[in-house]
Amino acid sequence: MWASRQMRRFVAQVAVAAATTFLLVGCHSTPGPTPLSELNPQQAHGHEVFDARCALCHYDRQTGPLHGPSLLAVFKKPYLPSGAAASDERVTATVLHGRNQMPAQQDIDSQDLDDLLAYLHTL
């Protein structure tokens, strides 16, 4: 009888610990993208650039791949889908020079690129 009470107490403690861990891990979700209506002019122009140059292959406001990986929360994670550090420099290099199946966008205007990066930071 004493052993079964000990066992029930142990099982209850394990269950509480598992539930606590689950809740704590679930609380670290990534915040959603900035609503389009709240973008500043630079970010809004970056959204236009995204729609014109990137949306054919990448989602910006939903998860999962299109032809390339989703860019949702791309700067809210430490690494890009390629494994490279998530930094303006790395994303710029990828846009300008391409990577794997992504074609280079060497003809992008520098202001458009800056605005695109500003928009990607809002995702």
C-alpha atoms as a PDB file:
ATOM      1  CA  MET A   1       0.000   0.000   0.000  1.00  0.00           C
ATOM      2  CA  TRP A   2       2.806   2.388   0.901  1.00  0.00           C
ATOM      3  CA  ALA A   3       4.570   1.556  -2.394  1.00  0.00           C
ATOM      4  CA  SER A   4       1.454   2.226  -4.461  1.00  0.00           C
ATOM      5  CA  ARG A   5       0.969   5.610  -2.741  1.00  0.00           C
ATOM      6  CA  GLN A   6       4.620   6.450  -3.470  1.00  0.00           C
ATOM      7  CA  MET A   7       4.116   5.402  -7.090  1.00  0.00           C
ATOM      8  CA  ARG A   8       1.013   7.586  -7.488  1.00  0.00           C
ATOM      9  CA  ARG A   9       2.851  10.541  -5.976  1.00  0.00           C
ATOM     10  CA  PHE A  10       5.798   9.982  -8.333  1.00  0.00           C
ATOM     11  CA  VAL A  11       3.516   9.728 -11.388  1.00  0.00           C
ATOM     12  CA  ALA A  12       1.704  12.919 -10.328  1.00  0.00           C
ATOM     13  CA  GLN A  13       5.023  14.776  -9.938  1.00  0.00           C
ATOM     14  CA  VAL A  14       6.191  13.627 -13.362  1.00  0.00           C
ATOM     15  CA  ALA A  15       2.888  14.716 -14.901  1.00  0.00           C
ATOM     16  CA  VAL A  16       3.122  18.161 -13.298  1.00  0.00           C
ATOM     17  CA  ALA A  17       6.732  18.551 -14.473  1.00  0.00           C
ATOM     18  CA  ALA A  18       5.796  17.515 -18.024  1.00  0.00           C
ATOM     19  CA  ALA A  19       2.838  19.906 -18.123  1.00  0.00           C
ATOM     20  CA  THR A  20       4.967  22.772 -16.811  1.00  0.00           C
ATOM     21  CA  THR A  21       7.655  22.102 -19.413  1.00  0.00           C
ATOM     22  CA  PHE A  22       5.053  21.966 -22.182  1.00  0.00           C
ATOM     23  CA  LEU A  23       3.536  25.289 -21.109  1.00  0.00           C
ATOM     24  CA  LEU A  24       6.909  27.016 -20.836  1.00  0.00           C
ATOM     25  CA  VAL A  25       8.041  25.817 -24.252  1.00  0.00           C
ATOM     26  CA  GLY A  26       4.712  26.853 -25.781  1.00  0.00           C
ATOM     27  CA  CYS A  27       5.080  30.368 -24.360  1.00  0.00           C
ATOM     28  CA  HIS A  28       8.145  31.080 -26.501  1.00  0.00           C
ATOM     29  CA  SER A  29       6.298  31.355 -29.799  1.00  0.00           C
ATOM     30  CA  THR A  30       7.487  33.810 -32.393  1.00  0.00           C
ATOM     31  CA  PRO A  31       5.429  37.012 -32.591  1.00  0.00           C
ATOM     32  CA  GLY A  32       3.462  37.443 -35.799  1.00  0.00           C
ATOM     33  CA  PRO A  33       4.283  39.867 -38.591  1.00  0.00           C
ATOM     34  CA  THR A  34       3.502  43.563 -38.332  1.00  0.00           C
ATOM     35  CA  PRO A  35       0.073  44.204 -39.892  1.00  0.00           C
ATOM     36  CA  LEU A  36       0.355  45.747 -43.356  1.00  0.00           C
ATOM     37  CA  SER A  37      -1.666  48.751 -42.193  1.00  0.00           C
ATOM     38  CA  GLU A  38       1.029  49.525 -39.596  1.00  0.00           C
ATOM     39  CA  LEU A  39       4.056  49.510 -41.916  1.00  0.00           C
ATOM     40  CA  ASN A  40       6.018  52.737 -42.282  1.00  0.00           C
ATOM     41  CA  PRO A  41       6.576  54.082 -45.839  1.00  0.00           C
ATOM     42  CA  GLN A  42       9.935  52.293 -46.263  1.00  0.00           C
ATOM     43  CA  GLN A  43       8.504  48.972 -45.098  1.00  0.00           C
ATOM     44  CA  ALA A  44       5.388  49.418 -47.259  1.00  0.00           C
ATOM     45  CA  HIS A  45       7.587  49.994 -50.306  1.00  0.00           C
ATOM     46  CA  GLY A  46       9.578  46.913 -49.312  1.00  0.00           C
ATOM     47  CA  HIS A  47       6.308  44.965 -49.333  1.00  0.00           C
ATOM     48  CA  GLU A  48       5.704  46.177 -52.896  1.00  0.00           C
ATOM     49  CA  VAL A  49       9.227  45.058 -53.847  1.00  0.00           C
ATOM     50  CA  PHE A  50       8.559  41.686 -52.223  1.00  0.00           C
ATOM     51  CA  ASP A  51       5.312  41.286 -54.163  1.00  0.00           C
ATOM     52  CA  ALA A  52       7.024  42.188 -57.433  1.00  0.00           C
ATOM     53  CA  ARG A  53      10.257  40.207 -57.027  1.00  0.00           C
ATOM     54  CA  CYS A  54       9.904  37.544 -54.326  1.00  0.00           C
ATOM     55  CA  ALA A  55       6.268  36.473 -53.944  1.00  0.00           C
ATOM     56  CA  LEU A  56       6.412  34.164 -56.950  1.00  0.00           C
ATOM     57  CA  CYS A  57       8.653  31.808 -54.958  1.00  0.00           C
ATOM     58  CA  HIS A  58       8.367  32.777 -51.259  1.00  0.00           C
ATOM     59  CA  TYR A  59       5.510  33.238 -48.815  1.00  0.00           C
ATOM     60  CA  ASP A  60       5.861  36.220 -46.521  1.00  0.00           C
ATOM     61  CA  ARG A  61       2.884  35.887 -44.190  1.00  0.00           C
ATOM     62  CA  GLN A  62       2.348  32.157 -43.946  1.00  0.00           C
ATOM     63  CA  THR A  63       4.489  29.152 -43.147  1.00  0.00           C
ATOM     64  CA  GLY A  64       5.575  26.410 -45.489  1.00  0.00           C
ATOM     65  CA  PRO A  65       7.461  26.467 -48.743  1.00  0.00           C
ATOM     66  CA  LEU A  66       6.150  27.764 -52.058  1.00  0.00           C
ATOM     67  CA  HIS A  67       9.037  27.195 -54.496  1.00  0.00           C
ATOM     68  CA  GLY A  68      11.497  28.519 -51.936  1.00  0.00           C
ATOM     69  CA  PRO A  69      11.221  28.647 -48.143  1.00  0.00           C
ATOM     70  CA  SER A  70       8.731  30.885 -46.377  1.00  0.00           C
ATOM     71  CA  LEU A  71      10.276  34.148 -45.205  1.00  0.00           C
ATOM     72  CA  LEU A  72       7.868  34.521 -42.298  1.00  0.00           C
ATOM     73  CA  ALA A  73       9.922  35.425 -39.186  1.00  0.00           C
ATOM     74  CA  VAL A  74      13.135  35.175 -41.208  1.00  0.00           C
ATOM     75  CA  PHE A  75      14.933  37.690 -38.957  1.00  0.00           C
ATOM     76  CA  LYS A  76      13.303  36.428 -35.745  1.00  0.00           C
ATOM     77  CA  LYS A  77      15.306  33.215 -35.935  1.00  0.00           C
ATOM     78  CA  PRO A  78      19.076  32.959 -35.502  1.00  0.00           C
ATOM     79  CA  TYR A  79      19.602  31.173 -38.823  1.00  0.00           C
ATOM     80  CA  LEU A  80      18.247  31.315 -42.351  1.00  0.00           C
ATOM     81  CA  PRO A  81      16.786  28.144 -43.886  1.00  0.00           C
ATOM     82  CA  SER A  82      20.214  27.622 -45.509  1.00  0.00           C
ATOM     83  CA  GLY A  83      21.879  27.495 -42.083  1.00  0.00           C
ATOM     84  CA  ALA A  84      23.647  30.856 -42.540  1.00  0.00           C
ATOM     85  CA  ALA A  85      23.276  33.521 -39.869  1.00  0.00           C
ATOM     86  CA  ALA A  86      20.099  35.581 -40.227  1.00  0.00           C
ATOM     87  CA  SER A  87      21.668  38.974 -40.929  1.00  0.00           C
ATOM     88  CA  ASP A  88      21.142  41.820 -43.375  1.00  0.00           C
ATOM     89  CA  GLU A  89      24.525  41.015 -44.931  1.00  0.00           C
ATOM     90  CA  ARG A  90      23.683  37.342 -45.541  1.00  0.00           C
ATOM     91  CA  VAL A  91      20.214  38.081 -46.923  1.00  0.00           C
ATOM     92  CA  THR A  92      21.649  40.824 -49.156  1.00  0.00           C
ATOM     93  CA  ALA A  93      24.278  38.415 -50.502  1.00  0.00           C
ATOM     94  CA  THR A  94      21.599  35.806 -51.178  1.00  0.00           C
ATOM     95  CA  VAL A  95      19.382  38.310 -52.997  1.00  0.00           C
ATOM     96  CA  LEU A  96      22.238  39.714 -55.087  1.00  0.00           C
ATOM     97  CA  HIS A  97      24.070  36.479 -55.883  1.00  0.00           C
ATOM     98  CA  GLY A  98      21.360  33.826 -55.563  1.00  0.00           C
ATOM     99  CA  ARG A  99      21.714  30.498 -53.789  1.00  0.00           C
ATOM    100  CA  ASN A 100      20.956  26.968 -54.970  1.00  0.00           C
ATOM    101  CA  GLN A 101      17.783  27.315 -57.087  1.00  0.00           C
ATOM    102  CA  MET A 102      17.230  30.991 -56.222  1.00  0.00           C
ATOM    103  CA  PRO A 103      18.289  33.211 -59.101  1.00  0.00           C
ATOM    104  CA  ALA A 104      20.474  36.255 -58.506  1.00  0.00           C
ATOM    105  CA  GLN A 105      18.693  39.615 -58.413  1.00  0.00           C
ATOM    106  CA  GLN A 106      21.704  41.714 -59.423  1.00  0.00           C
ATOM    107  CA  ASP A 107      19.554  44.354 -61.103  1.00  0.00           C
ATOM    108  CA  ILE A 108      17.725  45.337 -57.889  1.00  0.00           C
ATOM    109  CA  ASP A 109      18.050  49.022 -57.028  1.00  0.00           C
ATOM    110  CA  SER A 110      19.930  49.648 -53.754  1.00  0.00           C
ATOM    111  CA  GLN A 111      16.972  51.585 -52.284  1.00  0.00           C
ATOM    112  CA  ASP A 112      14.607  48.768 -53.232  1.00  0.00           C
ATOM    113  CA  LEU A 113      16.947  46.302 -51.532  1.00  0.00           C
ATOM    114  CA  ASP A 114      17.093  48.430 -48.370  1.00  0.00           C
ATOM    115  CA  ASP A 115      13.300  48.706 -48.357  1.00  0.00           C
ATOM    116  CA  LEU A 116      12.931  44.956 -48.931  1.00  0.00           C
ATOM    117  CA  LEU A 117      15.189  44.270 -45.950  1.00  0.00           C
ATOM    118  CA  ALA A 118      13.155  46.701 -43.827  1.00  0.00           C
ATOM    119  CA  TYR A 119      10.000  44.815 -44.816  1.00  0.00           C
ATOM    120  CA  LEU A 120      11.534  41.390 -44.109  1.00  0.00           C
ATOM    121  CA  HIS A 121      12.358  42.595 -40.595  1.00  0.00           C
ATOM    122  CA  THR A 122       8.613  43.116 -39.994  1.00  0.00           C
ATOM    123  CA  LEU A 123       7.712  39.504 -40.751  1.00  0.00           C
END
